[in-house]
Amino acid sequence: MTMPNDSNQPIRFSFGDNPALADRLLALVLAGKKDATCGALAHFGGGGEPLPQVGRRDIVLNGAGEEACVIETVSVEIMPFEAIPPTFTDREGEGPYAEWRAGHEAYFARNGGFSPDMEIVCEIFRLVEVLPAGRQLLAETLLASADGTF
């Protein structure tokens, strides 16, 4: 099910729920290994951020809260957690399906609760621009990749 959003204003956000995770996931985006993300539907709207909207450009922050890059939403679907296919999870760049699932179950459990049938907003995006705060992380990521450590 594709969901529209009434707001086309950019959202400023960081991936994950702590600075280290924000930087690790941002590095995957900058390296071209992550072009998807997901979040619990319950965390959108109301007092939370608006749902992603196809065509909207958002600003991704690094772990220090600095603007690191701009992404553009390509598609948005809402589905139960247990129905998210490996073709989507592979795009998140966070390891094989079993590893992705364990990591996301833990993430959702510590951020409001987890249930296999909980509704998840699955977003695919493209990297539009790397901003100054993202350039150093990108350089570090490229060096680590060349060394075989990333």
C-alpha atoms as a PDB file:
ATOM      1  CA  MET A   1       0.000   0.000   0.000  1.00  0.00           C
ATOM      2  CA  THR A   2       1.545   3.330  -1.033  1.00  0.00           C
ATOM      3  CA  MET A   3       0.841   6.251   1.256  1.00  0.00           C
ATOM      4  CA  PRO A   4       0.840   9.933   0.266  1.00  0.00           C
ATOM      5  CA  ASN A   5       1.945  12.698   2.612  1.00  0.00           C
ATOM      6  CA  ASP A   6       0.456  16.172   2.794  1.00  0.00           C
ATOM      7  CA  SER A   7       3.767  17.854   3.594  1.00  0.00           C
ATOM      8  CA  ASN A   8       6.461  18.338   0.985  1.00  0.00           C
ATOM      9  CA  GLN A   9       8.720  20.179   3.441  1.00  0.00           C
ATOM     10  CA  PRO A  10      12.138  18.560   4.031  1.00  0.00           C
ATOM     11  CA  ILE A  11      12.570  16.612   7.238  1.00  0.00           C
ATOM     12  CA  ARG A  12      15.863  16.722   9.163  1.00  0.00           C
ATOM     13  CA  PHE A  13      16.591  13.341  10.736  1.00  0.00           C
ATOM     14  CA  SER A  14      19.294  10.840  11.561  1.00  0.00           C
ATOM     15  CA  PHE A  15      19.133   7.104  11.065  1.00  0.00           C
ATOM     16  CA  GLY A  16      18.990   4.854  14.139  1.00  0.00           C
ATOM     17  CA  ASP A  17      18.515   5.818  17.744  1.00  0.00           C
ATOM     18  CA  ASN A  18      22.005   6.801  18.890  1.00  0.00           C
ATOM     19  CA  PRO A  19      24.960   8.776  17.460  1.00  0.00           C
ATOM     20  CA  ALA A  20      27.139   5.738  16.686  1.00  0.00           C
ATOM     21  CA  LEU A  21      24.327   3.978  14.813  1.00  0.00           C
ATOM     22  CA  ALA A  22      23.465   7.217  12.989  1.00  0.00           C
ATOM     23  CA  ASP A  23      27.039   7.498  11.718  1.00  0.00           C
ATOM     24  CA  ARG A  24      27.279   3.791  10.791  1.00  0.00           C
ATOM     25  CA  LEU A  25      24.048   3.887   8.765  1.00  0.00           C
ATOM     26  CA  LEU A  26      24.929   7.247   7.199  1.00  0.00           C
ATOM     27  CA  ALA A  27      28.287   5.793   6.111  1.00  0.00           C
ATOM     28  CA  LEU A  28      26.406   2.998   4.324  1.00  0.00           C
ATOM     29  CA  VAL A  29      24.323   5.609   2.471  1.00  0.00           C
ATOM     30  CA  LEU A  30      27.381   7.635   1.496  1.00  0.00           C
ATOM     31  CA  ALA A  31      29.182   4.486   0.297  1.00  0.00           C
ATOM     32  CA  GLY A  32      26.214   3.555  -1.911  1.00  0.00           C
ATOM     33  CA  LYS A  33      25.403   0.436   0.128  1.00  0.00           C
ATOM     34  CA  LYS A  34      22.114   1.684   1.643  1.00  0.00           C
ATOM     35  CA  ASP A  35      19.207   3.180  -0.271  1.00  0.00           C
ATOM     36  CA  ALA A  36      16.329   2.032   1.927  1.00  0.00           C
ATOM     37  CA  THR A  37      15.131   2.506   5.472  1.00  0.00           C
ATOM     38  CA  CYS A  38      12.101   1.615   7.542  1.00  0.00           C
ATOM     39  CA  GLY A  39      10.286   2.755  10.641  1.00  0.00           C
ATOM     40  CA  ALA A  40       7.283   1.842  12.726  1.00  0.00           C
ATOM     41  CA  LEU A  41       4.105   3.415  11.321  1.00  0.00           C
ATOM     42  CA  ALA A  42       3.109   4.316  14.887  1.00  0.00           C
ATOM     43  CA  HIS A  43       6.062   6.745  15.081  1.00  0.00           C
ATOM     44  CA  PHE A  44       4.825   8.838  12.148  1.00  0.00           C
ATOM     45  CA  GLY A  45       2.169  11.535  12.195  1.00  0.00           C
ATOM     46  CA  GLY A  46       0.667  13.081  15.296  1.00  0.00           C
ATOM     47  CA  GLY A  47       3.623  14.278  17.347  1.00  0.00           C
ATOM     48  CA  GLY A  48       6.167  12.386  15.211  1.00  0.00           C
ATOM     49  CA  GLU A  49       7.600  13.235  11.830  1.00  0.00           C
ATOM     50  CA  PRO A  50       5.377  13.117   8.745  1.00  0.00           C
ATOM     51  CA  LEU A  51       5.347  10.039   6.555  1.00  0.00           C
ATOM     52  CA  PRO A  52       7.940  10.016   3.788  1.00  0.00           C
ATOM     53  CA  GLN A  53       6.577  11.368   0.514  1.00  0.00           C
ATOM     54  CA  VAL A  54       7.722  10.325  -2.953  1.00  0.00           C
ATOM     55  CA  GLY A  55       9.748  13.162  -4.441  1.00  0.00           C
ATOM     56  CA  ARG A  56      10.406  14.909  -1.130  1.00  0.00           C
ATOM     57  CA  ARG A  57      14.026  15.658  -0.347  1.00  0.00           C
ATOM     58  CA  ASP A  58      15.114  15.254   3.256  1.00  0.00           C
ATOM     59  CA  ILE A  59      18.280  16.142   5.134  1.00  0.00           C
ATOM     60  CA  VAL A  60      20.139  13.334   6.908  1.00  0.00           C
ATOM     61  CA  LEU A  61      22.091  14.315  10.011  1.00  0.00           C
ATOM     62  CA  ASN A  62      25.239  12.649  11.273  1.00  0.00           C
ATOM     63  CA  GLY A  63      25.578  11.424  14.853  1.00  0.00           C
ATOM     64  CA  ALA A  64      26.559  14.930  15.982  1.00  0.00           C
ATOM     65  CA  GLY A  65      23.354  16.398  14.531  1.00  0.00           C
ATOM     66  CA  GLU A  66      25.091  18.090  11.589  1.00  0.00           C
ATOM     67  CA  GLU A  67      23.597  18.086   8.091  1.00  0.00           C
ATOM     68  CA  ALA A  68      25.451  15.355   6.169  1.00  0.00           C
ATOM     69  CA  CYS A  69      23.497  14.643   2.986  1.00  0.00           C
ATOM     70  CA  VAL A  70      20.266  15.103   1.083  1.00  0.00           C
ATOM     71  CA  ILE A  71      18.164  12.129   0.017  1.00  0.00           C
ATOM     72  CA  GLU A  72      15.062  11.967  -2.171  1.00  0.00           C
ATOM     73  CA  THR A  73      12.268   9.482  -1.505  1.00  0.00           C
ATOM     74  CA  VAL A  74      11.670   7.174  -4.476  1.00  0.00           C
ATOM     75  CA  SER A  75       8.966   4.898  -3.036  1.00  0.00           C
ATOM     76  CA  VAL A  76       7.030   4.322   0.179  1.00  0.00           C
ATOM     77  CA  GLU A  77       5.105   1.200   1.154  1.00  0.00           C
ATOM     78  CA  ILE A  78       3.501   0.152   4.416  1.00  0.00           C
ATOM     79  CA  MET A  79       3.430  -3.529   5.331  1.00  0.00           C
ATOM     80  CA  PRO A  80       3.591  -5.806   8.363  1.00  0.00           C
ATOM     81  CA  PHE A  81       7.128  -6.408   9.639  1.00  0.00           C
ATOM     82  CA  GLU A  82       6.820 -10.129   8.939  1.00  0.00           C
ATOM     83  CA  ALA A  83       5.977  -9.406   5.266  1.00  0.00           C
ATOM     84  CA  ILE A  84       9.059  -7.279   4.490  1.00  0.00           C
ATOM     85  CA  PRO A  85      10.915  -9.194   1.767  1.00  0.00           C
ATOM     86  CA  PRO A  86      14.675  -9.739   1.559  1.00  0.00           C
ATOM     87  CA  THR A  87      14.651  -7.724  -1.674  1.00  0.00           C
ATOM     88  CA  PHE A  88      13.872  -4.696   0.515  1.00  0.00           C
ATOM     89  CA  THR A  89      16.081  -5.601   3.484  1.00  0.00           C
ATOM     90  CA  ASP A  90      19.068  -6.108   1.170  1.00  0.00           C
ATOM     91  CA  ARG A  91      18.701  -2.472   0.110  1.00  0.00           C
ATOM     92  CA  GLU A  92      19.104  -1.385   3.741  1.00  0.00           C
ATOM     93  CA  GLY A  93      22.702  -2.633   3.545  1.00  0.00           C
ATOM     94  CA  GLU A  94      22.724  -3.950   7.101  1.00  0.00           C
ATOM     95  CA  GLY A  95      23.689  -7.564   6.474  1.00  0.00           C
ATOM     96  CA  PRO A  96      21.944 -10.786   5.502  1.00  0.00           C
ATOM     97  CA  TYR A  97      18.199 -11.116   6.171  1.00  0.00           C
ATOM     98  CA  ALA A  98      18.566 -12.942   9.523  1.00  0.00           C
ATOM     99  CA  GLU A  99      20.985 -10.274  10.783  1.00  0.00           C
ATOM    100  CA  TRP A 100      18.735  -7.469   9.508  1.00  0.00           C
ATOM    101  CA  ARG A 101      15.714  -9.039  11.189  1.00  0.00           C
ATOM    102  CA  ALA A 102      17.425  -9.526  14.567  1.00  0.00           C
ATOM    103  CA  GLY A 103      18.766  -5.971  14.518  1.00  0.00           C
ATOM    104  CA  HIS A 104      15.406  -4.461  13.629  1.00  0.00           C
ATOM    105  CA  GLU A 105      13.467  -6.551  16.155  1.00  0.00           C
ATOM    106  CA  ALA A 106      15.845  -5.242  18.849  1.00  0.00           C
ATOM    107  CA  TYR A 107      15.601  -1.675  17.528  1.00  0.00           C
ATOM    108  CA  PHE A 108      11.795  -1.671  17.536  1.00  0.00           C
ATOM    109  CA  ALA A 109      11.677  -3.393  20.951  1.00  0.00           C
ATOM    110  CA  ARG A 110      13.742  -0.622  22.522  1.00  0.00           C
ATOM    111  CA  ASN A 111      11.777   2.097  20.709  1.00  0.00           C
ATOM    112  CA  GLY A 112       8.193   1.379  21.663  1.00  0.00           C
ATOM    113  CA  GLY A 113       7.781  -2.360  21.250  1.00  0.00           C
ATOM    114  CA  PHE A 114       8.042  -5.057  18.626  1.00  0.00           C
ATOM    115  CA  SER A 115       5.427  -7.352  17.125  1.00  0.00           C
ATOM    116  CA  PRO A 116       5.807  -9.414  13.921  1.00  0.00           C
ATOM    117  CA  ASP A 117       2.519  -7.950  12.636  1.00  0.00           C
ATOM    118  CA  MET A 118       3.361  -4.294  13.416  1.00  0.00           C
ATOM    119  CA  GLU A 119       2.951  -1.938  10.453  1.00  0.00           C
ATOM    120  CA  ILE A 120       6.262  -0.727   9.008  1.00  0.00           C
ATOM    121  CA  VAL A 121       6.895   2.194   6.662  1.00  0.00           C
ATOM    122  CA  CYS A 122       9.390   0.983   4.047  1.00  0.00           C
ATOM    123  CA  GLU A 123      11.118   3.783   2.146  1.00  0.00           C
ATOM    124  CA  ILE A 124      13.466   3.590  -0.820  1.00  0.00           C
ATOM    125  CA  PHE A 125      15.505   6.720  -1.500  1.00  0.00           C
ATOM    126  CA  ARG A 126      18.360   8.022  -3.586  1.00  0.00           C
ATOM    127  CA  LEU A 127      21.345  10.057  -2.480  1.00  0.00           C
ATOM    128  CA  VAL A 128      21.098  13.532  -4.015  1.00  0.00           C
ATOM    129  CA  GLU A 129      23.949  15.494  -2.428  1.00  0.00           C
ATOM    130  CA  VAL A 130      26.703  15.052   0.141  1.00  0.00           C
ATOM    131  CA  LEU A 131      26.871  18.116   2.397  1.00  0.00           C
ATOM    132  CA  PRO A 132      30.011  19.407   4.177  1.00  0.00           C
ATOM    133  CA  ALA A 133      29.446  17.413   7.386  1.00  0.00           C
ATOM    134  CA  GLY A 134      29.105  14.235   5.315  1.00  0.00           C
ATOM    135  CA  ARG A 135      32.266  14.735   3.287  1.00  0.00           C
ATOM    136  CA  GLN A 136      34.665  13.745   6.067  1.00  0.00           C
ATOM    137  CA  LEU A 137      32.614  10.643   6.888  1.00  0.00           C
ATOM    138  CA  LEU A 138      32.551   9.806   3.172  1.00  0.00           C
ATOM    139  CA  ALA A 139      36.352  10.175   2.963  1.00  0.00           C
ATOM    140  CA  GLU A 140      36.791   7.976   6.055  1.00  0.00           C
ATOM    141  CA  THR A 141      34.363   5.434   4.609  1.00  0.00           C
ATOM    142  CA  LEU A 142      36.219   5.322   1.301  1.00  0.00           C
ATOM    143  CA  LEU A 143      39.566   4.870   3.111  1.00  0.00           C
ATOM    144  CA  ALA A 144      38.128   2.084   5.267  1.00  0.00           C
ATOM    145  CA  SER A 145      36.654   0.459   2.157  1.00  0.00           C
ATOM    146  CA  ALA A 146      40.044   0.607   0.411  1.00  0.00           C
ATOM    147  CA  ASP A 147      41.635  -1.005   3.487  1.00  0.00           C
ATOM    148  CA  GLY A 148      38.992  -3.713   3.523  1.00  0.00           C
ATOM    149  CA  THR A 149      37.683  -2.707   6.949  1.00  0.00           C
ATOM    150  CA  PHE A 150      34.299  -1.355   5.816  1.00  0.00           C
END
